[in-house]
Amino acid sequence: MTFYIAQFTAKHKIIQIEQNSVFIWKQESGDIDTSLLEDKICRESAIHFFQIVAGDSYPISKEDISVSVWKTEPFSG
């Protein structure tokens, strides 16, 4: 298993704040499926980020978030 790091931006269709961050994950060496990675980032990071920003009064839906991965590389930190 290899650790990887990705630089990404997540946007919500209503909330005007963007999440610009990095995401670290572990997978077997090989090609990175960007669409699967974007879905993983949405589920494990972005949805929680936007829920914190919105507070309890506004429910956050995964379908309202778009994730763009800018760069990925092996991570040894």
PDB file of N, CA and C in Angstrom:
ATOM      1  N   MET A   1       0.844  -1.178   0.000  1.00  0.00           N
ATOM      2  CA  MET A   1       0.000   0.000   0.000  1.00  0.00           C
ATOM      3  C   MET A   1       0.891   1.244   0.000  1.00  0.00           C
ATOM      4  N   THR A   2       0.442   2.239  -0.721  1.00  0.00           N
ATOM      5  CA  THR A   2       1.180   3.487  -0.840  1.00  0.00           C
ATOM      6  C   THR A   2       0.306   4.644  -0.383  1.00  0.00           C
ATOM      7  N   PHE A   3       0.887   5.590   0.329  1.00  0.00           N
ATOM      8  CA  PHE A   3       0.174   6.812   0.688  1.00  0.00           C
ATOM      9  C   PHE A   3       0.284   7.795  -0.472  1.00  0.00           C
ATOM     10  N   TYR A   4      -0.805   8.497  -0.722  1.00  0.00           N
ATOM     11  CA  TYR A   4      -0.852   9.536  -1.744  1.00  0.00           C
ATOM     12  C   TYR A   4      -1.407  10.812  -1.132  1.00  0.00           C
ATOM     13  N   ILE A   5      -1.094  11.940  -1.765  1.00  0.00           N
ATOM     14  CA  ILE A   5      -1.641  13.223  -1.346  1.00  0.00           C
ATOM     15  C   ILE A   5      -2.243  13.897  -2.575  1.00  0.00           C
ATOM     16  N   ALA A   6      -3.377  14.548  -2.376  1.00  0.00           N
ATOM     17  CA  ALA A   6      -4.052  15.254  -3.469  1.00  0.00           C
ATOM     18  C   ALA A   6      -4.359  16.679  -3.038  1.00  0.00           C
ATOM     19  N   GLN A   7      -4.140  17.604  -3.932  1.00  0.00           N
ATOM     20  CA  GLN A   7      -4.552  18.993  -3.735  1.00  0.00           C
ATOM     21  C   GLN A   7      -5.912  19.127  -4.415  1.00  0.00           C
ATOM     22  N   PHE A   8      -6.893  19.700  -3.707  1.00  0.00           N
ATOM     23  CA  PHE A   8      -8.236  19.785  -4.276  1.00  0.00           C
ATOM     24  C   PHE A   8      -8.956  21.065  -3.873  1.00  0.00           C
ATOM     25  N   THR A   9     -10.019  21.351  -4.604  1.00  0.00           N
ATOM     26  CA  THR A   9     -10.954  22.421  -4.280  1.00  0.00           C
ATOM     27  C   THR A   9     -12.351  21.826  -4.274  1.00  0.00           C
ATOM     28  N   ALA A  10     -13.126  22.145  -3.234  1.00  0.00           N
ATOM     29  CA  ALA A  10     -14.517  21.716  -3.152  1.00  0.00           C
ATOM     30  C   ALA A  10     -15.396  22.956  -3.133  1.00  0.00           C
ATOM     31  N   LYS A  11     -16.486  22.909  -3.918  1.00  0.00           N
ATOM     32  CA  LYS A  11     -17.422  24.030  -3.988  1.00  0.00           C
ATOM     33  C   LYS A  11     -18.833  23.524  -3.735  1.00  0.00           C
ATOM     34  N   HIS A  12     -19.593  24.330  -3.019  1.00  0.00           N
ATOM     35  CA  HIS A  12     -21.008  24.037  -2.762  1.00  0.00           C
ATOM     36  C   HIS A  12     -21.833  24.931  -3.667  1.00  0.00           C
ATOM     37  N   LYS A  13     -22.965  24.442  -4.125  1.00  0.00           N
ATOM     38  CA  LYS A  13     -23.740  25.232  -5.088  1.00  0.00           C
ATOM     39  C   LYS A  13     -24.381  26.478  -4.480  1.00  0.00           C
ATOM     40  N   ILE A  14     -24.519  26.539  -3.152  1.00  0.00           N
ATOM     41  CA  ILE A  14     -25.126  27.712  -2.511  1.00  0.00           C
ATOM     42  C   ILE A  14     -24.135  28.441  -1.612  1.00  0.00           C
ATOM     43  N   ILE A  15     -23.403  27.719  -0.797  1.00  0.00           N
ATOM     44  CA  ILE A  15     -22.456  28.329   0.135  1.00  0.00           C
ATOM     45  C   ILE A  15     -21.299  28.923  -0.657  1.00  0.00           C
ATOM     46  N   GLN A  16     -20.972  30.168  -0.387  1.00  0.00           N
ATOM     47  CA  GLN A  16     -19.993  30.893  -1.189  1.00  0.00           C
ATOM     48  C   GLN A  16     -18.541  30.728  -0.737  1.00  0.00           C
ATOM     49  N   ILE A  17     -18.284  29.857   0.209  1.00  0.00           N
ATOM     50  CA  ILE A  17     -16.924  29.588   0.669  1.00  0.00           C
ATOM     51  C   ILE A  17     -16.431  28.320  -0.020  1.00  0.00           C
ATOM     52  N   GLU A  18     -15.187  28.335  -0.504  1.00  0.00           N
ATOM     53  CA  GLU A  18     -14.592  27.153  -1.110  1.00  0.00           C
ATOM     54  C   GLU A  18     -13.646  26.476  -0.119  1.00  0.00           C
ATOM     55  N   GLN A  19     -13.558  25.184  -0.226  1.00  0.00           N
ATOM     56  CA  GLN A  19     -12.580  24.439   0.552  1.00  0.00           C
ATOM     57  C   GLN A  19     -11.385  24.162  -0.354  1.00  0.00           C
ATOM     58  N   ASN A  20     -10.250  24.753  -0.053  1.00  0.00           N
ATOM     59  CA  ASN A  20      -8.994  24.498  -0.763  1.00  0.00           C
ATOM     60  C   ASN A  20      -8.088  23.779   0.210  1.00  0.00           C
ATOM     61  N   SER A  21      -7.797  22.521  -0.073  1.00  0.00           N
ATOM     62  CA  SER A  21      -7.101  21.721   0.923  1.00  0.00           C
ATOM     63  C   SER A  21      -6.333  20.585   0.268  1.00  0.00           C
ATOM     64  N   VAL A  22      -5.789  19.718   1.112  1.00  0.00           N
ATOM     65  CA  VAL A  22      -5.139  18.498   0.658  1.00  0.00           C
ATOM     66  C   VAL A  22      -5.823  17.315   1.331  1.00  0.00           C
ATOM     67  N   PHE A  23      -5.701  16.166   0.695  1.00  0.00           N
ATOM     68  CA  PHE A  23      -6.326  14.939   1.185  1.00  0.00           C
ATOM     69  C   PHE A  23      -5.296  13.828   1.064  1.00  0.00           C
ATOM     70  N   ILE A  24      -5.117  13.048   2.115  1.00  0.00           N
ATOM     71  CA  ILE A  24      -4.155  11.942   2.120  1.00  0.00           C
ATOM     72  C   ILE A  24      -4.932  10.639   2.238  1.00  0.00           C
ATOM     73  N   TRP A  25      -4.575   9.664   1.416  1.00  0.00           N
ATOM     74  CA  TRP A  25      -5.218   8.360   1.456  1.00  0.00           C
ATOM     75  C   TRP A  25      -4.193   7.286   1.100  1.00  0.00           C
ATOM     76  N   LYS A  26      -4.594   6.037   1.334  1.00  0.00           N
ATOM     77  CA  LYS A  26      -3.717   4.906   1.065  1.00  0.00           C
ATOM     78  C   LYS A  26      -4.412   3.993   0.062  1.00  0.00           C
ATOM     79  N   GLN A  27      -3.658   3.533  -0.933  1.00  0.00           N
ATOM     80  CA  GLN A  27      -4.199   2.587  -1.903  1.00  0.00           C
ATOM     81  C   GLN A  27      -3.066   1.744  -2.469  1.00  0.00           C
ATOM     82  N   GLU A  28      -3.448   0.684  -3.160  1.00  0.00           N
ATOM     83  CA  GLU A  28      -2.450  -0.111  -3.866  1.00  0.00           C
ATOM     84  C   GLU A  28      -1.791   0.782  -4.898  1.00  0.00           C
ATOM     85  N   SER A  29      -0.537   0.566  -5.156  1.00  0.00           N
ATOM     86  CA  SER A  29       0.171   1.337  -6.174  1.00  0.00           C
ATOM     87  C   SER A  29      -0.536   1.161  -7.517  1.00  0.00           C
ATOM     88  N   GLY A  30      -0.445   2.170  -8.342  1.00  0.00           N
ATOM     89  CA  GLY A  30      -1.065   2.092  -9.659  1.00  0.00           C
ATOM     90  C   GLY A  30      -1.785   3.368  -9.997  1.00  0.00           C
ATOM     91  N   ASP A  31      -2.628   3.282 -11.014  1.00  0.00           N
ATOM     92  CA  ASP A  31      -3.352   4.458 -11.479  1.00  0.00           C
ATOM     93  C   ASP A  31      -4.352   4.942 -10.435  1.00  0.00           C
ATOM     94  N   ILE A  32      -4.510   6.253 -10.395  1.00  0.00           N
ATOM     95  CA  ILE A  32      -5.479   6.876  -9.492  1.00  0.00           C
ATOM     96  C   ILE A  32      -6.722   7.188 -10.307  1.00  0.00           C
ATOM     97  N   ASP A  33      -7.851   6.648  -9.882  1.00  0.00           N
ATOM     98  CA  ASP A  33      -9.131   6.940 -10.533  1.00  0.00           C
ATOM     99  C   ASP A  33      -9.649   8.254  -9.965  1.00  0.00           C
ATOM    100  N   THR A  34      -9.556   9.316 -10.748  1.00  0.00           N
ATOM    101  CA  THR A  34      -9.899  10.653 -10.265  1.00  0.00           C
ATOM    102  C   THR A  34     -11.356  10.762  -9.840  1.00  0.00           C
ATOM    103  N   SER A  35     -12.269  10.141 -10.572  1.00  0.00           N
ATOM    104  CA  SER A  35     -13.688  10.246 -10.193  1.00  0.00           C
ATOM    105  C   SER A  35     -13.952   9.553  -8.861  1.00  0.00           C
ATOM    106  N   LEU A  36     -13.313   8.414  -8.627  1.00  0.00           N
ATOM    107  CA  LEU A  36     -13.460   7.747  -7.324  1.00  0.00           C
ATOM    108  C   LEU A  36     -12.828   8.574  -6.220  1.00  0.00           C
ATOM    109  N   LEU A  37     -11.684   9.182  -6.514  1.00  0.00           N
ATOM    110  CA  LEU A  37     -11.014  10.026  -5.530  1.00  0.00           C
ATOM    111  C   LEU A  37     -11.868  11.237  -5.182  1.00  0.00           C
ATOM    112  N   GLU A  38     -12.460  11.892  -6.179  1.00  0.00           N
ATOM    113  CA  GLU A  38     -13.320  13.048  -5.923  1.00  0.00           C
ATOM    114  C   GLU A  38     -14.499  12.658  -5.049  1.00  0.00           C
ATOM    115  N   ASP A  39     -15.083  11.488  -5.291  1.00  0.00           N
ATOM    116  CA  ASP A  39     -16.199  11.007  -4.468  1.00  0.00           C
ATOM    117  C   ASP A  39     -15.733  10.745  -3.035  1.00  0.00           C
ATOM    118  N   LYS A  40     -14.558  10.147  -2.884  1.00  0.00           N
ATOM    119  CA  LYS A  40     -14.005   9.865  -1.550  1.00  0.00           C
ATOM    120  C   LYS A  40     -13.740  11.163  -0.789  1.00  0.00           C
ATOM    121  N   ILE A  41     -13.176  12.161  -1.457  1.00  0.00           N
ATOM    122  CA  ILE A  41     -12.913  13.455  -0.825  1.00  0.00           C
ATOM    123  C   ILE A  41     -14.226  14.107  -0.402  1.00  0.00           C
ATOM    124  N   CYS A  42     -15.226  14.024  -1.260  1.00  0.00           N
ATOM    125  CA  CYS A  42     -16.529  14.611  -0.925  1.00  0.00           C
ATOM    126  C   CYS A  42     -17.103  13.969   0.335  1.00  0.00           C
ATOM    127  N   ARG A  43     -17.099  12.638   0.385  1.00  0.00           N
ATOM    128  CA  ARG A  43     -17.680  11.914   1.518  1.00  0.00           C
ATOM    129  C   ARG A  43     -16.890  12.093   2.815  1.00  0.00           C
ATOM    130  N   GLU A  44     -15.557  12.087   2.713  1.00  0.00           N
ATOM    131  CA  GLU A  44     -14.723  12.048   3.912  1.00  0.00           C
ATOM    132  C   GLU A  44     -14.203  13.416   4.358  1.00  0.00           C
ATOM    133  N   SER A  45     -14.351  14.439   3.529  1.00  0.00           N
ATOM    134  CA  SER A  45     -13.825  15.750   3.906  1.00  0.00           C
ATOM    135  C   SER A  45     -14.815  16.886   3.613  1.00  0.00           C
ATOM    136  N   ALA A  46     -15.167  17.060   2.352  1.00  0.00           N
ATOM    137  CA  ALA A  46     -15.925  18.243   1.941  1.00  0.00           C
ATOM    138  C   ALA A  46     -17.299  18.346   2.595  1.00  0.00           C
ATOM    139  N   ILE A  47     -18.013  17.253   2.679  1.00  0.00           N
ATOM    140  CA  ILE A  47     -19.360  17.308   3.264  1.00  0.00           C
ATOM    141  C   ILE A  47     -19.283  17.757   4.724  1.00  0.00           C
ATOM    142  N   HIS A  48     -18.255  17.330   5.433  1.00  0.00           N
ATOM    143  CA  HIS A  48     -18.079  17.732   6.836  1.00  0.00           C
ATOM    144  C   HIS A  48     -17.659  19.201   6.937  1.00  0.00           C
ATOM    145  N   PHE A  49     -16.786  19.624   6.028  1.00  0.00           N
ATOM    146  CA  PHE A  49     -16.362  21.029   5.993  1.00  0.00           C
ATOM    147  C   PHE A  49     -17.569  21.946   5.809  1.00  0.00           C
ATOM    148  N   PHE A  50     -18.404  21.654   4.811  1.00  0.00           N
ATOM    149  CA  PHE A  50     -19.550  22.522   4.543  1.00  0.00           C
ATOM    150  C   PHE A  50     -20.607  22.439   5.643  1.00  0.00           C
ATOM    151  N   GLN A  51     -20.718  21.297   6.323  1.00  0.00           N
ATOM    152  CA  GLN A  51     -21.656  21.201   7.437  1.00  0.00           C
ATOM    153  C   GLN A  51     -21.213  22.081   8.593  1.00  0.00           C
ATOM    154  N   ILE A  52     -19.907  22.157   8.838  1.00  0.00           N
ATOM    155  CA  ILE A  52     -19.382  23.047   9.884  1.00  0.00           C
ATOM    156  C   ILE A  52     -19.660  24.502   9.515  1.00  0.00           C
ATOM    157  N   VAL A  53     -19.424  24.848   8.252  1.00  0.00           N
ATOM    158  CA  VAL A  53     -19.655  26.220   7.795  1.00  0.00           C
ATOM    159  C   VAL A  53     -21.133  26.583   7.894  1.00  0.00           C
ATOM    160  N   ALA A  54     -22.007  25.681   7.486  1.00  0.00           N
ATOM    161  CA  ALA A  54     -23.445  25.971   7.439  1.00  0.00           C
ATOM    162  C   ALA A  54     -24.110  25.929   8.808  1.00  0.00           C
ATOM    163  N   GLY A  55     -23.573  25.135   9.701  1.00  0.00           N
ATOM    164  CA  GLY A  55     -24.210  24.975  11.011  1.00  0.00           C
ATOM    165  C   GLY A  55     -25.349  23.981  10.938  1.00  0.00           C
ATOM    166  N   ASP A  56     -26.031  23.829  12.041  1.00  0.00           N
ATOM    167  CA  ASP A  56     -27.090  22.824  12.141  1.00  0.00           C
ATOM    168  C   ASP A  56     -28.376  23.206  11.413  1.00  0.00           C
ATOM    169  N   SER A  57     -28.528  24.455  11.050  1.00  0.00           N
ATOM    170  CA  SER A  57     -29.792  24.910  10.466  1.00  0.00           C
ATOM    171  C   SER A  57     -29.919  24.605   8.975  1.00  0.00           C
ATOM    172  N   TYR A  58     -28.838  24.174   8.329  1.00  0.00           N
ATOM    173  CA  TYR A  58     -28.889  23.920   6.887  1.00  0.00           C
ATOM    174  C   TYR A  58     -28.292  22.546   6.588  1.00  0.00           C
ATOM    175  N   PRO A  59     -29.105  21.612   6.109  1.00  0.00           N
ATOM    176  CA  PRO A  59     -28.579  20.277   5.801  1.00  0.00           C
ATOM    177  C   PRO A  59     -27.718  20.310   4.533  1.00  0.00           C
ATOM    178  N   ILE A  60     -26.604  19.608   4.562  1.00  0.00           N
ATOM    179  CA  ILE A  60     -25.688  19.560   3.420  1.00  0.00           C
ATOM    180  C   ILE A  60     -25.874  18.229   2.694  1.00  0.00           C
ATOM    181  N   SER A  61     -26.047  18.323   1.383  1.00  0.00           N
ATOM    182  CA  SER A  61     -26.220  17.142   0.552  1.00  0.00           C
ATOM    183  C   SER A  61     -24.985  16.948  -0.320  1.00  0.00           C
ATOM    184  N   LYS A  62     -24.577  15.718  -0.467  1.00  0.00           N
ATOM    185  CA  LYS A  62     -23.413  15.380  -1.298  1.00  0.00           C
ATOM    186  C   LYS A  62     -23.620  15.849  -2.741  1.00  0.00           C
ATOM    187  N   GLU A  63     -24.833  15.816  -3.206  1.00  0.00           N
ATOM    188  CA  GLU A  63     -25.148  16.206  -4.582  1.00  0.00           C
ATOM    189  C   GLU A  63     -24.931  17.696  -4.835  1.00  0.00           C
ATOM    190  N   ASP A  64     -24.860  18.503  -3.791  1.00  0.00           N
ATOM    191  CA  ASP A  64     -24.666  19.953  -3.924  1.00  0.00           C
ATOM    192  C   ASP A  64     -23.186  20.354  -3.930  1.00  0.00           C
ATOM    193  N   ILE A  65     -22.286  19.374  -3.828  1.00  0.00           N
ATOM    194  CA  ILE A  65     -20.851  19.655  -3.726  1.00  0.00           C
ATOM    195  C   ILE A  65     -20.134  19.126  -4.963  1.00  0.00           C
ATOM    196  N   SER A  66     -19.253  19.955  -5.510  1.00  0.00           N
ATOM    197  CA  SER A  66     -18.380  19.491  -6.594  1.00  0.00           C
ATOM    198  C   SER A  66     -16.936  19.573  -6.123  1.00  0.00           C
ATOM    199  N   VAL A  67     -16.162  18.558  -6.459  1.00  0.00           N
ATOM    200  CA  VAL A  67     -14.765  18.473  -6.053  1.00  0.00           C
ATOM    201  C   VAL A  67     -13.901  18.423  -7.307  1.00  0.00           C
ATOM    202  N   SER A  68     -12.856  19.248  -7.325  1.00  0.00           N
ATOM    203  CA  SER A  68     -11.876  19.231  -8.410  1.00  0.00           C
ATOM    204  C   SER A  68     -10.515  18.894  -7.827  1.00  0.00           C
ATOM    205  N   VAL A  69      -9.911  17.825  -8.327  1.00  0.00           N
ATOM    206  CA  VAL A  69      -8.573  17.433  -7.892  1.00  0.00           C
ATOM    207  C   VAL A  69      -7.578  18.078  -8.843  1.00  0.00           C
ATOM    208  N   TRP A  70      -6.630  18.838  -8.287  1.00  0.00           N
ATOM    209  CA  TRP A  70      -5.655  19.562  -9.097  1.00  0.00           C
ATOM    210  C   TRP A  70      -4.365  18.787  -9.292  1.00  0.00           C
ATOM    211  N   LYS A  71      -3.941  18.070  -8.271  1.00  0.00           N
ATOM    212  CA  LYS A  71      -2.651  17.386  -8.358  1.00  0.00           C
ATOM    213  C   LYS A  71      -2.638  16.221  -7.379  1.00  0.00           C
ATOM    214  N   THR A  72      -2.029  15.115  -7.780  1.00  0.00           N
ATOM    215  CA  THR A  72      -1.833  13.985  -6.883  1.00  0.00           C
ATOM    216  C   THR A  72      -0.397  13.500  -7.018  1.00  0.00           C
ATOM    217  N   GLU A  73       0.126  12.964  -5.923  1.00  0.00           N
ATOM    218  CA  GLU A  73       1.474  12.386  -5.956  1.00  0.00           C
ATOM    219  C   GLU A  73       1.667  11.489  -4.756  1.00  0.00           C
ATOM    220  N   PRO A  74       2.637  10.577  -4.824  1.00  0.00           N
ATOM    221  CA  PRO A  74       2.951   9.751  -3.654  1.00  0.00           C
ATOM    222  C   PRO A  74       3.364  10.647  -2.489  1.00  0.00           C
ATOM    223  N   PHE A  75       3.054  10.192  -1.282  1.00  0.00           N
ATOM    224  CA  PHE A  75       3.316  10.971  -0.078  1.00  0.00           C
ATOM    225  C   PHE A  75       4.142  10.140   0.878  1.00  0.00           C
ATOM    226  N   SER A  76       5.245  10.698   1.337  1.00  0.00           N
ATOM    227  CA  SER A  76       6.101   9.949   2.261  1.00  0.00           C
ATOM    228  C   SER A  76       6.298  10.696   3.573  1.00  0.00           C
ATOM    229  N   GLY A  77       5.385  11.626   3.887  1.00  0.00           N
ATOM    230  CA  GLY A  77       5.531  12.440   5.084  1.00  0.00           C
ATOM    231  C   GLY A  77       5.010  11.761   6.247  1.00  0.00           C
TER     232      GLY A  77
END
